[in-house]
PDB file of all heavy atoms in Angstrom:
ATOM      1  N   LEU A   1     170.899-102.517-238.173  1.00  0.00           N
ATOM      2  CA  LEU A   1     172.201-101.863-238.036  1.00  0.00           C
ATOM      3  C   LEU A   1     173.313-102.725-238.610  1.00  0.00           C
ATOM      4  O   LEU A   1     174.208-102.226-239.301  1.00  0.00           O
ATOM      5  CB  LEU A   1     172.470-101.516-236.569  1.00  0.00           C
ATOM      6  CG  LEU A   1     171.563-100.441-235.974  1.00  0.00           C
ATOM      7  CD1 LEU A   1     171.814-100.285-234.475  1.00  0.00           C
ATOM      8  CD2 LEU A   1     171.727 -99.112-236.701  1.00  0.00           C
ATOM      9  N   VAL A   2     173.257-104.027-238.362  1.00  0.00           N
ATOM     10  CA  VAL A   2     174.269-104.934-238.909  1.00  0.00           C
ATOM     11  C   VAL A   2     174.224-104.932-240.432  1.00  0.00           C
ATOM     12  O   VAL A   2     175.271-104.922-241.093  1.00  0.00           O
ATOM     13  CB  VAL A   2     174.092-106.367-238.344  1.00  0.00           C
ATOM     14  CG1 VAL A   2     174.922-107.370-239.121  1.00  0.00           C
ATOM     15  CG2 VAL A   2     174.455-106.396-236.864  1.00  0.00           C
ATOM     16  N   GLN A   3     173.024-104.916-241.009  1.00  0.00           N
ATOM     17  CA  GLN A   3     172.903-104.875-242.465  1.00  0.00           C
ATOM     18  C   GLN A   3     173.634-103.657-243.028  1.00  0.00           C
ATOM     19  O   GLN A   3     174.349-103.764-244.035  1.00  0.00           O
ATOM     20  CB  GLN A   3     171.438-104.824-242.888  1.00  0.00           C
ATOM     21  CG  GLN A   3     170.677-106.097-242.652  1.00  0.00           C
ATOM     22  CD  GLN A   3     169.174-105.926-242.841  1.00  0.00           C
ATOM     23  OE1 GLN A   3     168.654-104.813-242.927  1.00  0.00           O
ATOM     24  NE2 GLN A   3     168.469-107.050-242.885  1.00  0.00           N
ATOM     25  N   ALA A   4     173.457-102.516-242.392  1.00  0.00           N
ATOM     26  CA  ALA A   4     174.103-101.286-242.863  1.00  0.00           C
ATOM     27  C   ALA A   4     175.616-101.355-242.682  1.00  0.00           C
ATOM     28  O   ALA A   4     176.372-100.930-243.563  1.00  0.00           O
ATOM     29  CB  ALA A   4     173.518-100.075-242.143  1.00  0.00           C
ATOM     30  N   ILE A   5     176.062-101.894-241.560  1.00  0.00           N
ATOM     31  CA  ILE A   5     177.506-102.031-241.312  1.00  0.00           C
ATOM     32  C   ILE A   5     178.140-102.942-242.356  1.00  0.00           C
ATOM     33  O   ILE A   5     179.226-102.660-242.870  1.00  0.00           O
ATOM     34  CB  ILE A   5     177.771-102.574-239.891  1.00  0.00           C
ATOM     35  CG1 ILE A   5     177.437-101.513-238.848  1.00  0.00           C
ATOM     36  CG2 ILE A   5     179.216-103.043-239.735  1.00  0.00           C
ATOM     37  CD1 ILE A   5     177.428-102.030-237.411  1.00  0.00           C
ATOM     38  N   GLU A   6     177.451-104.029-242.691  1.00  0.00           N
ATOM     39  CA  GLU A   6     178.006-105.016-243.628  1.00  0.00           C
ATOM     40  C   GLU A   6     178.211-104.463-245.034  1.00  0.00           C
ATOM     41  O   GLU A   6     178.955-105.041-245.818  1.00  0.00           O
ATOM     42  CB  GLU A   6     177.129-106.260-243.673  1.00  0.00           C
ATOM     43  CG  GLU A   6     177.258-107.105-242.430  1.00  0.00           C
ATOM     44  CD  GLU A   6     176.348-108.325-242.433  1.00  0.00           C
ATOM     45  OE1 GLU A   6     175.328-108.335-243.166  1.00  0.00           O
ATOM     46  OE2 GLU A   6     176.668-109.273-241.698  1.00  0.00           O
ATOM     47  N   THR A   7     177.579-103.352-245.355  1.00  0.00           N
ATOM     48  CA  THR A   7     177.799-102.757-246.677  1.00  0.00           C
ATOM     49  C   THR A   7     179.204-102.179-246.791  1.00  0.00           C
ATOM     50  O   THR A   7     179.706-102.000-247.896  1.00  0.00           O
ATOM     51  CB  THR A   7     176.795-101.627-246.972  1.00  0.00           C
ATOM     52  OG1 THR A   7     177.053-100.520-246.104  1.00  0.00           O
ATOM     53  CG2 THR A   7     175.364-102.108-246.857  1.00  0.00           C
ATOM     54  N   GLY A   8     179.816-101.871-245.643  1.00  0.00           N
ATOM     55  CA  GLY A   8     181.132-101.259-245.655  1.00  0.00           C
ATOM     56  C   GLY A   8     181.094 -99.765-245.925  1.00  0.00           C
ATOM     57  O   GLY A   8     182.137 -99.114-246.004  1.00  0.00           O
ATOM     58  N   ASN A   9     179.905 -99.207-246.060  1.00  0.00           N
ATOM     59  CA  ASN A   9     179.758 -97.778-246.326  1.00  0.00           C
ATOM     60  C   ASN A   9     179.294 -97.083-245.048  1.00  0.00           C
ATOM     61  O   ASN A   9     178.146 -97.249-244.637  1.00  0.00           O
ATOM     62  CB  ASN A   9     178.750 -97.562-247.452  1.00  0.00           C
ATOM     63  CG  ASN A   9     178.657 -96.119-247.883  1.00  0.00           C
ATOM     64  OD1 ASN A   9     178.870 -95.203-247.094  1.00  0.00           O
ATOM     65  ND2 ASN A   9     178.329 -95.917-249.150  1.00  0.00           N
ATOM     66  N   PRO A  10     180.168 -96.292-244.416  1.00  0.00           N
ATOM     67  CA  PRO A  10     179.784 -95.616-243.167  1.00  0.00           C
ATOM     68  C   PRO A  10     178.557 -94.715-243.313  1.00  0.00           C
ATOM     69  O   PRO A  10     177.800 -94.543-242.359  1.00  0.00           O
ATOM     70  CB  PRO A  10     181.024 -94.792-242.800  1.00  0.00           C
ATOM     71  CG  PRO A  10     182.152 -95.416-243.541  1.00  0.00           C
ATOM     72  CD  PRO A  10     181.558 -96.012-244.790  1.00  0.00           C
ATOM     73  N   ALA A  11     178.340 -94.151-244.495  1.00  0.00           N
ATOM     74  CA  ALA A  11     177.174 -93.278-244.699  1.00  0.00           C
ATOM     75  C   ALA A  11     175.882 -94.071-244.559  1.00  0.00           C
ATOM     76  O   ALA A  11     174.890 -93.563-244.019  1.00  0.00           O
ATOM     77  CB  ALA A  11     177.239 -92.605-246.070  1.00  0.00           C
ATOM     78  N   PHE A  12     175.859 -95.320-245.027  1.00  0.00           N
ATOM     79  CA  PHE A  12     174.664 -96.151-244.902  1.00  0.00           C
ATOM     80  C   PHE A  12     174.375 -96.437-243.433  1.00  0.00           C
ATOM     81  O   PHE A  12     173.231 -96.407-242.999  1.00  0.00           O
ATOM     82  CB  PHE A  12     174.813 -97.464-245.664  1.00  0.00           C
ATOM     83  CG  PHE A  12     174.879 -97.307-247.160  1.00  0.00           C
ATOM     84  CD1 PHE A  12     175.345 -98.334-247.946  1.00  0.00           C
ATOM     85  CD2 PHE A  12     174.472 -96.141-247.788  1.00  0.00           C
ATOM     86  CE1 PHE A  12     175.405 -98.214-249.325  1.00  0.00           C
ATOM     87  CE2 PHE A  12     174.526 -96.000-249.163  1.00  0.00           C
ATOM     88  CZ  PHE A  12     174.998 -97.044-249.938  1.00  0.00           C
ATOM     89  N   PHE A  13     175.441 -96.721-242.663  1.00  0.00           N
ATOM     90  CA  PHE A  13     175.257 -96.971-241.236  1.00  0.00           C
ATOM     91  C   PHE A  13     174.734 -95.722-240.541  1.00  0.00           C
ATOM     92  O   PHE A  13     173.810 -95.794-239.727  1.00  0.00           O
ATOM     93  CB  PHE A  13     176.568 -97.434-240.593  1.00  0.00           C
ATOM     94  CG  PHE A  13     176.451 -97.630-239.108  1.00  0.00           C
ATOM     95  CD1 PHE A  13     175.706 -98.677-238.582  1.00  0.00           C
ATOM     96  CD2 PHE A  13     177.060 -96.746-238.231  1.00  0.00           C
ATOM     97  CE1 PHE A  13     175.582 -98.850-237.211  1.00  0.00           C
ATOM     98  CE2 PHE A  13     176.941 -96.913-236.861  1.00  0.00           C
ATOM     99  CZ  PHE A  13     176.204 -97.965-236.355  1.00  0.00           C
ATOM    100  N   ARG A  14     175.288 -94.560-240.875  1.00  0.00           N
ATOM    101  CA  ARG A  14     174.813 -93.309-240.264  1.00  0.00           C
ATOM    102  C   ARG A  14     173.349 -93.053-240.615  1.00  0.00           C
ATOM    103  O   ARG A  14     172.562 -92.640-239.761  1.00  0.00           O
ATOM    104  CB  ARG A  14     175.696 -92.128-240.690  1.00  0.00           C
ATOM    105  CG  ARG A  14     177.024 -92.074-239.966  1.00  0.00           C
ATOM    106  CD  ARG A  14     177.745 -90.760-240.212  1.00  0.00           C
ATOM    107  NE  ARG A  14     178.094 -90.542-241.610  1.00  0.00           N
ATOM    108  CZ  ARG A  14     179.187 -91.022-242.203  1.00  0.00           C
ATOM    109  NH1 ARG A  14     180.050 -91.737-241.508  1.00  0.00           N
ATOM    110  NH2 ARG A  14     179.414 -90.770-243.480  1.00  0.00           N
ATOM    111  N   ASP A  15     172.976 -93.300-241.868  1.00  0.00           N
ATOM    112  CA  ASP A  15     171.577 -93.118-242.274  1.00  0.00           C
ATOM    113  C   ASP A  15     170.660 -94.028-241.467  1.00  0.00           C
ATOM    114  O   ASP A  15     169.607 -93.599-240.983  1.00  0.00           O
ATOM    115  CB  ASP A  15     171.394 -93.427-243.767  1.00  0.00           C
ATOM    116  CG  ASP A  15     171.946 -92.340-244.662  1.00  0.00           C
ATOM    117  OD1 ASP A  15     172.248 -91.242-244.159  1.00  0.00           O
ATOM    118  OD2 ASP A  15     172.071 -92.606-245.876  1.00  0.00           O
ATOM    119  N   ARG A  16     171.047 -95.276-241.328  1.00  0.00           N
ATOM    120  CA  ARG A  16     170.213 -96.236-240.601  1.00  0.00           C
ATOM    121  C   ARG A  16     170.166 -95.862-239.131  1.00  0.00           C
ATOM    122  O   ARG A  16     169.112 -95.896-238.505  1.00  0.00           O
ATOM    123  CB  ARG A  16     170.791 -97.639-240.827  1.00  0.00           C
ATOM    124  CG  ARG A  16     170.058 -98.838-240.356  1.00  0.00           C
ATOM    125  CD  ARG A  16     168.651 -99.103-240.793  1.00  0.00           C
ATOM    126  NE  ARG A  16     168.266 -99.329-242.133  1.00  0.00           N
ATOM    127  CZ  ARG A  16     168.264-100.487-242.775  1.00  0.00           C
ATOM    128  NH1 ARG A  16     168.703-101.569-242.206  1.00  0.00           N
ATOM    129  NH2 ARG A  16     167.822-100.569-244.004  1.00  0.00           N
ATOM    130  N   LEU A  17     171.302 -95.505-238.566  1.00  0.00           N
ATOM    131  CA  LEU A  17     171.380 -95.150-237.143  1.00  0.00           C
ATOM    132  C   LEU A  17     170.543 -93.916-236.826  1.00  0.00           C
ATOM    133  O   LEU A  17     169.875 -93.858-235.795  1.00  0.00           O
ATOM    134  CB  LEU A  17     172.840 -94.930-236.740  1.00  0.00           C
ATOM    135  CG  LEU A  17     173.134 -94.746-235.260  1.00  0.00           C
ATOM    136  CD1 LEU A  17     172.660 -95.957-234.465  1.00  0.00           C
ATOM    137  CD2 LEU A  17     174.619 -94.519-235.047  1.00  0.00           C
ATOM    138  N   ARG A  18     170.544 -92.936-237.720  1.00  0.00           N
ATOM    139  CA  ARG A  18     169.770 -91.708-237.508  1.00  0.00           C
ATOM    140  C   ARG A  18     168.275 -91.996-237.335  1.00  0.00           C
ATOM    141  O   ARG A  18     167.594 -91.327-236.575  1.00  0.00           O
ATOM    142  CB  ARG A  18     169.963 -90.742-238.676  1.00  0.00           C
ATOM    143  CG  ARG A  18     170.757 -89.523-238.336  1.00  0.00           C
ATOM    144  CD  ARG A  18     170.739 -88.472-239.424  1.00  0.00           C
ATOM    145  NE  ARG A  18     171.269 -88.879-240.706  1.00  0.00           N
ATOM    146  CZ  ARG A  18     172.559 -88.934-241.019  1.00  0.00           C
ATOM    147  NH1 ARG A  18     173.457 -88.610-240.131  1.00  0.00           N
ATOM    148  NH2 ARG A  18     172.953 -89.302-242.219  1.00  0.00           N
ATOM    149  N   GLY A  19     167.776 -92.980-238.053  1.00  0.00           N
ATOM    150  CA  GLY A  19     166.353 -93.291-237.977  1.00  0.00           C
ATOM    151  C   GLY A  19     165.970 -94.237-236.854  1.00  0.00           C
ATOM    152  O   GLY A  19     164.787 -94.486-236.618  1.00  0.00           O
ATOM    153  N   LEU A  20     166.968 -94.780-236.149  1.00  0.00           N
ATOM    154  CA  LEU A  20     166.687 -95.785-235.115  1.00  0.00           C
ATOM    155  C   LEU A  20     165.804 -95.274-233.975  1.00  0.00           C
ATOM    156  O   LEU A  20     164.825 -95.945-233.623  1.00  0.00           O
ATOM    157  CB  LEU A  20     167.986 -96.371-234.568  1.00  0.00           C
ATOM    158  CG  LEU A  20     167.831 -97.450-233.503  1.00  0.00           C
ATOM    159  CD1 LEU A  20     167.061 -98.649-234.058  1.00  0.00           C
ATOM    160  CD2 LEU A  20     169.205 -97.883-232.988  1.00  0.00           C
ATOM    161  N   PRO A  21     166.079 -94.128-233.364  1.00  0.00           N
ATOM    162  CA  PRO A  21     165.212 -93.692-232.257  1.00  0.00           C
ATOM    163  C   PRO A  21     163.742 -93.558-232.666  1.00  0.00           C
ATOM    164  O   PRO A  21     162.852 -94.018-231.948  1.00  0.00           O
ATOM    165  CB  PRO A  21     165.799 -92.338-231.848  1.00  0.00           C
ATOM    166  CG  PRO A  21     167.227 -92.405-232.276  1.00  0.00           C
ATOM    167  CD  PRO A  21     167.218 -93.219-233.553  1.00  0.00           C
ATOM    168  N   GLU A  22     163.496 -92.962-233.826  1.00  0.00           N
ATOM    169  CA  GLU A  22     162.112 -92.817-234.288  1.00  0.00           C
ATOM    170  C   GLU A  22     161.484 -94.180-234.568  1.00  0.00           C
ATOM    171  O   GLU A  22     160.320 -94.420-234.227  1.00  0.00           O
ATOM    172  CB  GLU A  22     162.046 -91.959-235.549  1.00  0.00           C
ATOM    173  CG  GLU A  22     160.634 -91.776-236.057  1.00  0.00           C
ATOM    174  CD  GLU A  22     160.567 -91.059-237.393  1.00  0.00           C
ATOM    175  OE1 GLU A  22     161.571 -90.483-237.841  1.00  0.00           O
ATOM    176  OE2 GLU A  22     159.480 -91.077-237.992  1.00  0.00           O
ATOM    177  N   PHE A  23     162.254 -95.085-235.182  1.00  0.00           N
ATOM    178  CA  PHE A  23     161.753 -96.431-235.449  1.00  0.00           C
ATOM    179  C   PHE A  23     161.322 -97.122-234.158  1.00  0.00           C
ATOM    180  O   PHE A  23     160.228 -97.680-234.067  1.00  0.00           O
ATOM    181  CB  PHE A  23     162.823 -97.275-236.167  1.00  0.00           C
ATOM    182  CG  PHE A  23     162.533 -98.750-236.173  1.00  0.00           C
ATOM    183  CD1 PHE A  23     161.544 -99.270-236.997  1.00  0.00           C
ATOM    184  CD2 PHE A  23     163.243 -99.619-235.354  1.00  0.00           C
ATOM    185  CE1 PHE A  23     161.279-100.641-237.003  1.00  0.00           C
ATOM    186  CE2 PHE A  23     162.983-100.974-235.354  1.00  0.00           C
ATOM    187  CZ  PHE A  23     161.990-101.483-236.180  1.00  0.00           C
ATOM    188  N   LEU A  24     162.176 -97.088-233.135  1.00  0.00           N
ATOM    189  CA  LEU A  24     161.850 -97.759-231.876  1.00  0.00           C
ATOM    190  C   LEU A  24     160.663 -97.097-231.180  1.00  0.00           C
ATOM    191  O   LEU A  24     159.761 -97.787-230.706  1.00  0.00           O
ATOM    192  CB  LEU A  24     163.071 -97.785-230.954  1.00  0.00           C
ATOM    193  CG  LEU A  24     164.202 -98.707-231.398  1.00  0.00           C
ATOM    194  CD1 LEU A  24     165.420 -98.533-230.496  1.00  0.00           C
ATOM    195  CD2 LEU A  24     163.749-100.155-231.440  1.00  0.00           C
ATOM    196  N   GLU A  25     160.666 -95.790-231.141  1.00  0.00           N
ATOM    197  CA  GLU A  25     159.555 -95.094-230.488  1.00  0.00           C
ATOM    198  C   GLU A  25     158.228 -95.398-231.183  1.00  0.00           C
ATOM    199  O   GLU A  25     157.226 -95.715-230.550  1.00  0.00           O
ATOM    200  CB  GLU A  25     159.816 -93.585-230.492  1.00  0.00           C
ATOM    201  CG  GLU A  25     158.791 -92.806-229.707  1.00  0.00           C
ATOM    202  CD  GLU A  25     159.153 -91.332-229.638  1.00  0.00           C
ATOM    203  OE1 GLU A  25     160.328 -91.002-229.407  1.00  0.00           O
ATOM    204  OE2 GLU A  25     158.237 -90.511-229.817  1.00  0.00           O
ATOM    205  N   ARG A  26     158.237 -95.301-232.492  1.00  0.00           N
ATOM    206  CA  ARG A  26     157.019 -95.556-233.275  1.00  0.00           C
ATOM    207  C   ARG A  26     156.592 -97.024-233.130  1.00  0.00           C
ATOM    208  O   ARG A  26     155.432 -97.320-232.891  1.00  0.00           O
ATOM    209  CB  ARG A  26     157.304 -95.217-234.746  1.00  0.00           C
ATOM    210  CG  ARG A  26     156.132 -95.226-235.647  1.00  0.00           C
ATOM    211  CD  ARG A  26     156.460 -94.682-237.035  1.00  0.00           C
ATOM    212  NE  ARG A  26     157.802 -94.931-237.508  1.00  0.00           N
ATOM    213  CZ  ARG A  26     158.141 -95.950-238.290  1.00  0.00           C
ATOM    214  NH1 ARG A  26     157.240 -96.800-238.688  1.00  0.00           N
ATOM    215  NH2 ARG A  26     159.393 -96.118-238.673  1.00  0.00           N
ATOM    216  N   SER A  27     157.564 -97.918-233.249  1.00  0.00           N
ATOM    217  CA  SER A  27     157.253 -99.348-233.195  1.00  0.00           C
ATOM    218  C   SER A  27     156.698 -99.763-231.842  1.00  0.00           C
ATOM    219  O   SER A  27     155.738-100.527-231.769  1.00  0.00           O
ATOM    220  CB  SER A  27     158.504-100.168-233.517  1.00  0.00           C
ATOM    221  OG  SER A  27     158.933 -99.901-234.833  1.00  0.00           O
ATOM    222  N   PHE A  28     157.303 -99.267-230.770  1.00  0.00           N
ATOM    223  CA  PHE A  28     156.825 -99.659-229.451  1.00  0.00           C
ATOM    224  C   PHE A  28     155.425 -99.124-229.188  1.00  0.00           C
ATOM    225  O   PHE A  28     154.696 -99.665-228.368  1.00  0.00           O
ATOM    226  CB  PHE A  28     157.805 -99.236-228.361  1.00  0.00           C
ATOM    227  CG  PHE A  28     159.089-100.037-228.358  1.00  0.00           C
ATOM    228  CD1 PHE A  28     160.231 -99.534-227.789  1.00  0.00           C
ATOM    229  CD2 PHE A  28     159.155-101.294-228.941  1.00  0.00           C
ATOM    230  CE1 PHE A  28     161.406-100.264-227.777  1.00  0.00           C
ATOM    231  CE2 PHE A  28     160.325-102.032-228.948  1.00  0.00           C
ATOM    232  CZ  PHE A  28     161.453-101.517-228.363  1.00  0.00           C
ATOM    233  N   SER A  29     155.033 -98.077-229.897  1.00  0.00           N
ATOM    234  CA  SER A  29     153.673 -97.564-229.729  1.00  0.00           C
ATOM    235  C   SER A  29     152.635 -98.514-230.330  1.00  0.00           C
ATOM    236  O   SER A  29     151.448 -98.408-230.025  1.00  0.00           O
ATOM    237  CB  SER A  29     153.531 -96.176-230.355  1.00  0.00           C
ATOM    238  OG  SER A  29     153.499 -96.247-231.767  1.00  0.00           O
ATOM    239  N   PHE A  30     153.054 -99.447-231.188  1.00  0.00           N
ATOM    240  CA  PHE A  30     152.133-100.402-231.803  1.00  0.00           C
ATOM    241  C   PHE A  30     151.885-101.616-230.915  1.00  0.00           C
ATOM    242  O   PHE A  30     151.005-102.425-231.212  1.00  0.00           O
ATOM    243  CB  PHE A  30     152.655-100.890-233.158  1.00  0.00           C
ATOM    244  CG  PHE A  30     152.990 -99.787-234.120  1.00  0.00           C
ATOM    245  CD1 PHE A  30     154.089 -99.884-234.949  1.00  0.00           C
ATOM    246  CD2 PHE A  30     152.219 -98.633-234.197  1.00  0.00           C
ATOM    247  CE1 PHE A  30     154.409 -98.875-235.836  1.00  0.00           C
ATOM    248  CE2 PHE A  30     152.533 -97.612-235.078  1.00  0.00           C
ATOM    249  CZ  PHE A  30     153.634 -97.734-235.899  1.00  0.00           C
ATOM    250  N   LEU A  31     152.668-101.760-229.853  1.00  0.00           N
ATOM    251  CA  LEU A  31     152.512-102.921-228.975  1.00  0.00           C
ATOM    252  C   LEU A  31     151.236-102.788-228.156  1.00  0.00           C
ATOM    253  O   LEU A  31     150.908-101.718-227.661  1.00  0.00           O
ATOM    254  CB  LEU A  31     153.721-103.052-228.045  1.00  0.00           C
ATOM    255  CG  LEU A  31     155.043-103.345-228.748  1.00  0.00           C
ATOM    256  CD1 LEU A  31     156.193-103.243-227.760  1.00  0.00           C
ATOM    257  CD2 LEU A  31     155.023-104.708-229.416  1.00  0.00           C
ATOM    258  N   GLU A  32     150.538-103.908-228.030  1.00  0.00           N
ATOM    259  CA  GLU A  32     149.274-103.908-227.280  1.00  0.00           C
ATOM    260  C   GLU A  32     149.086-105.264-226.613  1.00  0.00           C
ATOM    261  O   GLU A  32     149.388-106.298-227.194  1.00  0.00           O
ATOM    262  CB  GLU A  32     148.107-103.629-228.228  1.00  0.00           C
ATOM    263  CG  GLU A  32     148.050-104.617-229.383  1.00  0.00           C
ATOM    264  CD  GLU A  32     147.044-104.261-230.451  1.00  0.00           C
ATOM    265  OE1 GLU A  32     147.044-103.117-230.904  1.00  0.00           O
ATOM    266  OE2 GLU A  32     146.273-105.159-230.821  1.00  0.00           O
ATOM    267  N   GLY A  33     148.617-105.248-225.405  1.00  0.00           N
ATOM    268  CA  GLY A  33     148.287-106.496-224.713  1.00  0.00           C
ATOM    269  C   GLY A  33     149.410-107.516-224.685  1.00  0.00           C
ATOM    270  O   GLY A  33     149.176-108.693-224.919  1.00  0.00           O
ATOM    271  N   MET A  34     150.626-107.051-224.402  1.00  0.00           N
ATOM    272  CA  MET A  34     151.760-107.972-224.399  1.00  0.00           C
ATOM    273  C   MET A  34     151.650-108.986-223.273  1.00  0.00           C
ATOM    274  O   MET A  34     151.400-108.603-222.126  1.00  0.00           O
ATOM    275  CB  MET A  34     153.063-107.204-224.194  1.00  0.00           C
ATOM    276  CG  MET A  34     153.566-106.479-225.381  1.00  0.00           C
ATOM    277  SD  MET A  34     155.072-105.595-224.945  1.00  0.00           S
ATOM    278  CE  MET A  34     154.395-104.268-223.966  1.00  0.00           C
ATOM    279  N   PRO A  35     151.869-110.255-223.576  1.00  0.00           N
ATOM    280  CA  PRO A  35     151.976-111.241-222.496  1.00  0.00           C
ATOM    281  C   PRO A  35     153.175-110.878-221.605  1.00  0.00           C
ATOM    282  O   PRO A  35     154.178-110.348-222.087  1.00  0.00           O
ATOM    283  CB  PRO A  35     152.222-112.556-223.245  1.00  0.00           C
ATOM    284  CG  PRO A  35     151.684-112.321-224.624  1.00  0.00           C
ATOM    285  CD  PRO A  35     151.920-110.863-224.898  1.00  0.00           C
ATOM    286  N   GLU A  36     153.059-111.142-220.332  1.00  0.00           N
ATOM    287  CA  GLU A  36     154.083-110.774-219.360  1.00  0.00           C
ATOM    288  C   GLU A  36     155.462-111.300-219.753  1.00  0.00           C
ATOM    289  O   GLU A  36     156.469-110.598-219.611  1.00  0.00           O
ATOM    290  CB  GLU A  36     153.694-111.292-217.964  1.00  0.00           C
ATOM    291  CG  GLU A  36     154.654-110.908-216.867  1.00  0.00           C
ATOM    292  CD  GLU A  36     154.682-109.414-216.563  1.00  0.00           C
ATOM    293  OE1 GLU A  36     153.664-108.743-216.814  1.00  0.00           O
ATOM    294  OE2 GLU A  36     155.716-108.931-216.090  1.00  0.00           O
ATOM    295  N   VAL A  37     155.532-112.513-220.255  1.00  0.00           N
ATOM    296  CA  VAL A  37     156.824-113.095-220.614  1.00  0.00           C
ATOM    297  C   VAL A  37     157.498-112.276-221.707  1.00  0.00           C
ATOM    298  O   VAL A  37     158.712-112.058-221.673  1.00  0.00           O
ATOM    299  CB  VAL A  37     156.697-114.587-221.008  1.00  0.00           C
ATOM    300  CG1 VAL A  37     155.924-114.760-222.321  1.00  0.00           C
ATOM    301  CG2 VAL A  37     158.058-115.232-221.111  1.00  0.00           C
ATOM    302  N   PHE A  38     156.761-111.767-222.679  1.00  0.00           N
ATOM    303  CA  PHE A  38     157.360-110.954-223.740  1.00  0.00           C
ATOM    304  C   PHE A  38     157.755-109.592-223.212  1.00  0.00           C
ATOM    305  O   PHE A  38     158.767-109.031-223.619  1.00  0.00           O
ATOM    306  CB  PHE A  38     156.388-110.809-224.928  1.00  0.00           C
ATOM    307  CG  PHE A  38     156.121-112.091-225.661  1.00  0.00           C
ATOM    308  CD1 PHE A  38     154.856-112.348-226.175  1.00  0.00           C
ATOM    309  CD2 PHE A  38     157.113-113.044-225.855  1.00  0.00           C
ATOM    310  CE1 PHE A  38     154.594-113.512-226.850  1.00  0.00           C
ATOM    311  CE2 PHE A  38     156.856-114.216-226.531  1.00  0.00           C
ATOM    312  CZ  PHE A  38     155.608-114.453-227.029  1.00  0.00           C
ATOM    313  N   LEU A  39     156.966-109.053-222.323  1.00  0.00           N
ATOM    314  CA  LEU A  39     157.276-107.752-221.732  1.00  0.00           C
ATOM    315  C   LEU A  39     158.588-107.828-220.947  1.00  0.00           C
ATOM    316  O   LEU A  39     159.465-106.987-221.111  1.00  0.00           O
ATOM    317  CB  LEU A  39     156.140-107.294-220.818  1.00  0.00           C
ATOM    318  CG  LEU A  39     156.313-105.942-220.154  1.00  0.00           C
ATOM    319  CD1 LEU A  39     156.485-104.848-221.198  1.00  0.00           C
ATOM    320  CD2 LEU A  39     155.138-105.640-219.250  1.00  0.00           C
TER     321      LEU A  39
END
């Protein structure tokens, strides 16, 4: 998100922000056997 903000182009930030929920949902599905401290 910071990378997109730093461009100074609000459209880039909106594009990046729009994909954030899917990115987090998909990414967290790849987690396996997390040590308690990381969890």
